């Protein structure tokens, strides 16, 4: 039997986001953002995709140090093989990149970056930015904010396996990110982040 002993890490990032009594200063938010991005950059530098980045898979120590956890869906990214296919049934819905929602099996570390963007928006808003109750609703919620895909904003999106299964009205993106992320609650410094 193998035992792995690690330090105690009492909180998830989800706990941090939901705890209304916990201070969320601009400096602390930037500290979290920096650590999460540095952690995923390191993981990607080792050609690993996490594929399940979400607040519950980010641990926070008593000193607010971030630890990325749960590598159960992680895999090696074969960047020199553009034809490599990966499982599309990865990532928790609210943090799942659009290409995964469209059934793509050819993707890269950008799926983790999408998830981190969703997580960081959730930290600022205090609630998920794209809270779909099903995969179809998830796509609809994303389109409601970012607009519908077309050949200009997402070249070759129609080549995704499930792209032709959906019909939707063209929708322009909402460009007011202060409104989308509810930045009215945060300072001007945080808006520039």
Protein backbone atom coordinates (compact mmCIF):
# COMPACT_ATOMS: atom_id res chain seq x y z
CA UNK A 1 0.00 0.00 0.00
CA UNK A 2 1.18 3.52 -0.84
CA UNK A 3 0.24 6.46 1.36
CA UNK A 4 0.60 10.06 0.27
CA UNK A 5 0.83 12.57 3.09
CA UNK A 6 0.28 16.24 2.31
CA UNK A 7 -0.33 19.38 4.28
CA UNK A 8 -3.84 20.15 5.46
CA UNK A 9 -5.60 22.56 3.12
CA UNK A 10 -8.92 23.50 4.74
CA UNK A 11 -10.69 25.44 1.98
CA UNK A 12 -11.64 25.16 -1.65
CA UNK A 13 -11.77 28.21 -3.88
CA UNK A 14 -15.53 27.65 -3.92
CA UNK A 15 -15.52 28.21 -0.14
CA UNK A 16 -13.61 31.45 -0.67
CA UNK A 17 -16.07 32.67 -3.31
CA UNK A 18 -19.17 31.81 -1.25
CA UNK A 19 -17.92 33.10 2.12
CA UNK A 20 -19.46 36.58 2.34
CA UNK A 21 -17.54 37.35 5.55
CA UNK A 22 -14.17 36.69 3.89
CA UNK A 23 -12.48 39.89 2.66
CA UNK A 24 -12.20 40.11 -1.12
CA UNK A 25 -9.88 43.05 -1.63
CA UNK A 26 -8.48 43.87 -5.04
CA UNK A 27 -5.02 42.89 -3.82
CA UNK A 28 -6.20 39.50 -2.56
CA UNK A 29 -8.17 38.85 -5.77
CA UNK A 30 -5.06 39.65 -7.84
CA UNK A 31 -3.03 37.35 -5.55
CA UNK A 32 -5.48 34.51 -6.23
CA UNK A 33 -5.57 35.23 -9.98
CA UNK A 34 -1.78 35.31 -10.19
CA UNK A 35 -1.37 32.01 -8.35
CA UNK A 36 -4.04 30.20 -10.38
CA UNK A 37 -2.58 31.42 -13.67
CA UNK A 38 0.98 30.57 -12.57
CA UNK A 39 -0.13 27.10 -11.51
CA UNK A 40 -1.88 26.32 -14.78
CA UNK A 41 1.05 27.78 -16.76
CA UNK A 42 3.35 25.35 -14.95
CA UNK A 43 1.02 22.41 -15.59
CA UNK A 44 0.76 23.34 -19.28
CA UNK A 45 4.57 23.74 -19.52
CA UNK A 46 4.75 20.03 -18.66
CA UNK A 47 2.31 19.25 -21.53
CA UNK A 48 -0.52 18.35 -19.16
CA UNK A 49 -4.14 19.45 -19.53
CA UNK A 50 -6.08 19.46 -16.25
CA UNK A 51 -9.51 19.34 -17.97
CA UNK A 52 -11.55 19.85 -14.79
CA UNK A 53 -10.64 23.27 -13.49
CA UNK A 54 -13.40 24.51 -11.17
CA UNK A 55 -13.50 26.25 -7.77
CA UNK A 56 -13.79 22.94 -5.90
CA UNK A 57 -10.57 21.67 -7.51
CA UNK A 58 -8.56 24.66 -6.33
CA UNK A 59 -7.54 24.44 -2.69
CA UNK A 60 -6.70 27.43 -0.47
CA UNK A 61 -4.47 27.29 2.62
CA UNK A 62 -4.93 29.38 5.75
CA UNK A 63 -2.30 31.74 4.28
CA UNK A 64 -4.26 32.08 1.01
CA UNK A 65 -1.85 29.96 -0.97
CA UNK A 66 -3.48 28.23 -3.94
CA UNK A 67 -3.05 24.51 -4.67
CA UNK A 68 -4.48 23.01 -7.86
CA UNK A 69 -5.96 19.59 -7.08
CA UNK A 70 -7.87 16.62 -8.55
CA UNK A 71 -5.98 15.51 -11.61
CA UNK A 72 -8.43 12.67 -12.25
CA UNK A 73 -9.35 13.98 -15.72
CA UNK A 74 -5.87 15.26 -16.57
CA UNK A 75 -4.03 13.95 -19.60
CA UNK A 76 -0.85 14.47 -21.56
CA UNK A 77 -1.23 17.03 -24.36
CA UNK A 78 0.49 15.89 -27.54
CA UNK A 79 1.12 19.34 -29.01
CA UNK A 80 3.07 17.99 -31.99
CA UNK A 81 0.17 15.80 -33.10
CA UNK A 82 -2.68 17.99 -34.37
CA UNK A 83 -4.74 14.88 -35.17
CA UNK A 84 -4.72 13.58 -31.59
CA UNK A 85 -8.21 13.08 -30.18
CA UNK A 86 -9.12 13.41 -26.52
CA UNK A 87 -12.26 12.58 -24.55
CA UNK A 88 -14.88 15.31 -24.98
CA UNK A 89 -16.77 14.32 -21.82
CA UNK A 90 -14.53 16.25 -19.46
CA UNK A 91 -14.88 19.36 -17.30
CA UNK A 92 -17.77 20.42 -15.13
CA UNK A 93 -20.54 22.03 -17.20
CA UNK A 94 -20.32 25.63 -15.92
CA UNK A 95 -16.60 25.68 -16.71
CA UNK A 96 -16.67 23.63 -19.92
CA UNK A 97 -15.22 25.31 -23.00
CA UNK A 98 -17.55 25.78 -26.00
CA UNK A 99 -15.54 23.38 -28.17
CA UNK A 100 -16.21 20.64 -25.63
CA UNK A 101 -19.91 21.51 -25.59
CA UNK A 102 -19.87 21.09 -29.37
CA UNK A 103 -18.36 17.61 -29.02
CA UNK A 104 -14.85 18.37 -30.24
CA UNK A 105 -12.26 15.69 -29.55
CA UNK A 106 -9.42 17.82 -30.93
CA UNK A 107 -8.58 20.51 -28.41
CA UNK A 108 -5.72 21.79 -26.31
CA UNK A 109 -4.84 23.53 -23.04
CA UNK A 110 -7.15 26.41 -23.97
CA UNK A 111 -9.98 24.39 -22.36
CA UNK A 112 -8.27 25.01 -19.01
CA UNK A 113 -7.85 28.72 -19.77
CA UNK A 114 -11.58 29.01 -20.54
CA UNK A 115 -12.39 27.37 -17.19
CA UNK A 116 -10.03 29.70 -15.33
CA UNK A 117 -11.69 32.72 -16.95
CA UNK A 118 -15.05 31.43 -15.69
CA UNK A 119 -13.60 30.88 -12.20
CA UNK A 120 -12.06 34.35 -12.00
CA UNK A 121 -15.30 35.96 -13.17
CA UNK A 122 -17.10 33.96 -10.48
CA UNK A 123 -14.73 35.32 -7.83
CA UNK A 124 -15.51 38.89 -8.85
CA UNK A 125 -19.27 38.32 -9.27
CA UNK A 126 -19.76 36.00 -6.31
CA UNK A 127 -21.71 33.61 -8.55
CA UNK A 128 -21.06 31.63 -11.76
CA UNK A 129 -20.92 33.60 -15.01
CA UNK A 130 -22.40 30.80 -17.18
CA UNK A 131 -24.78 28.73 -14.98
CA UNK A 132 -26.50 26.45 -17.50
CA UNK A 133 -28.71 23.62 -16.21
CA UNK A 134 -28.05 21.40 -19.23
CA UNK A 135 -25.50 21.35 -22.03
CA UNK A 136 -27.96 23.03 -24.39
CA UNK A 137 -28.77 25.74 -21.86
CA UNK A 138 -25.03 26.12 -21.18
CA UNK A 139 -24.45 26.94 -24.85
CA UNK A 140 -27.39 29.35 -24.81
CA UNK A 141 -26.10 31.18 -21.71
CA UNK A 142 -22.63 31.53 -23.25
CA UNK A 143 -24.10 32.83 -26.52
CA UNK A 144 -26.24 35.27 -24.54
CA UNK A 145 -23.07 36.91 -23.25
CA UNK A 146 -20.49 36.33 -25.98
CA UNK A 147 -22.77 36.28 -29.01
CA UNK A 148 -23.23 33.42 -31.45
CA UNK A 149 -20.25 31.96 -33.30
CA UNK A 150 -19.57 32.78 -36.91
CA UNK A 151 -16.64 32.37 -39.28
CA UNK A 152 -15.24 35.75 -38.20
CA UNK A 153 -15.15 35.25 -34.43
CA UNK A 154 -14.60 31.46 -34.47
CA UNK A 155 -13.23 30.23 -37.81
CA UNK A 156 -14.19 26.66 -38.68
CA UNK A 157 -16.58 26.34 -35.73
CA UNK A 158 -19.00 24.57 -38.06
CA UNK A 159 -16.52 21.67 -38.27
CA UNK A 160 -17.22 20.79 -34.62
CA UNK A 161 -19.06 17.44 -34.42
CA UNK A 162 -22.24 18.82 -32.84
CA UNK A 163 -22.26 22.32 -34.37
CA UNK A 164 -24.83 21.47 -37.04
CA UNK A 165 -27.23 19.94 -34.52
CA UNK A 166 -28.16 23.38 -33.19
CA UNK A 167 -30.13 26.17 -34.76
CA UNK A 168 -30.01 29.57 -33.14
CA UNK A 169 -30.69 33.19 -33.93
CA UNK A 170 -27.54 35.24 -34.53
CA UNK A 171 -26.77 37.29 -31.46
CA UNK A 172 -24.21 40.05 -30.96
CA UNK A 173 -21.87 39.86 -27.97
CA UNK A 174 -22.49 42.00 -24.94
CA UNK A 175 -19.50 44.30 -24.81
CA UNK A 176 -20.06 45.83 -21.40
CA UNK A 177 -17.84 43.62 -19.23
CA UNK A 178 -18.38 45.86 -16.21
CA UNK A 179 -22.07 44.90 -16.41
CA UNK A 180 -21.44 41.24 -17.26
CA UNK A 181 -19.08 40.70 -14.34
CA UNK A 182 -21.02 43.07 -12.10
CA UNK A 183 -17.94 45.22 -11.57
CA UNK A 184 -20.05 47.93 -9.96
CA UNK A 185 -19.18 46.14 -6.70
CA UNK A 186 -15.43 46.42 -7.25
CA UNK A 187 -12.93 49.22 -7.62
CA UNK A 188 -11.50 50.75 -10.78
CA UNK A 189 -8.21 48.92 -10.15
CA UNK A 190 -9.96 45.55 -10.27
CA UNK A 191 -11.76 46.45 -13.51
CA UNK A 192 -8.34 46.88 -15.16
CA UNK A 193 -7.26 43.41 -14.03
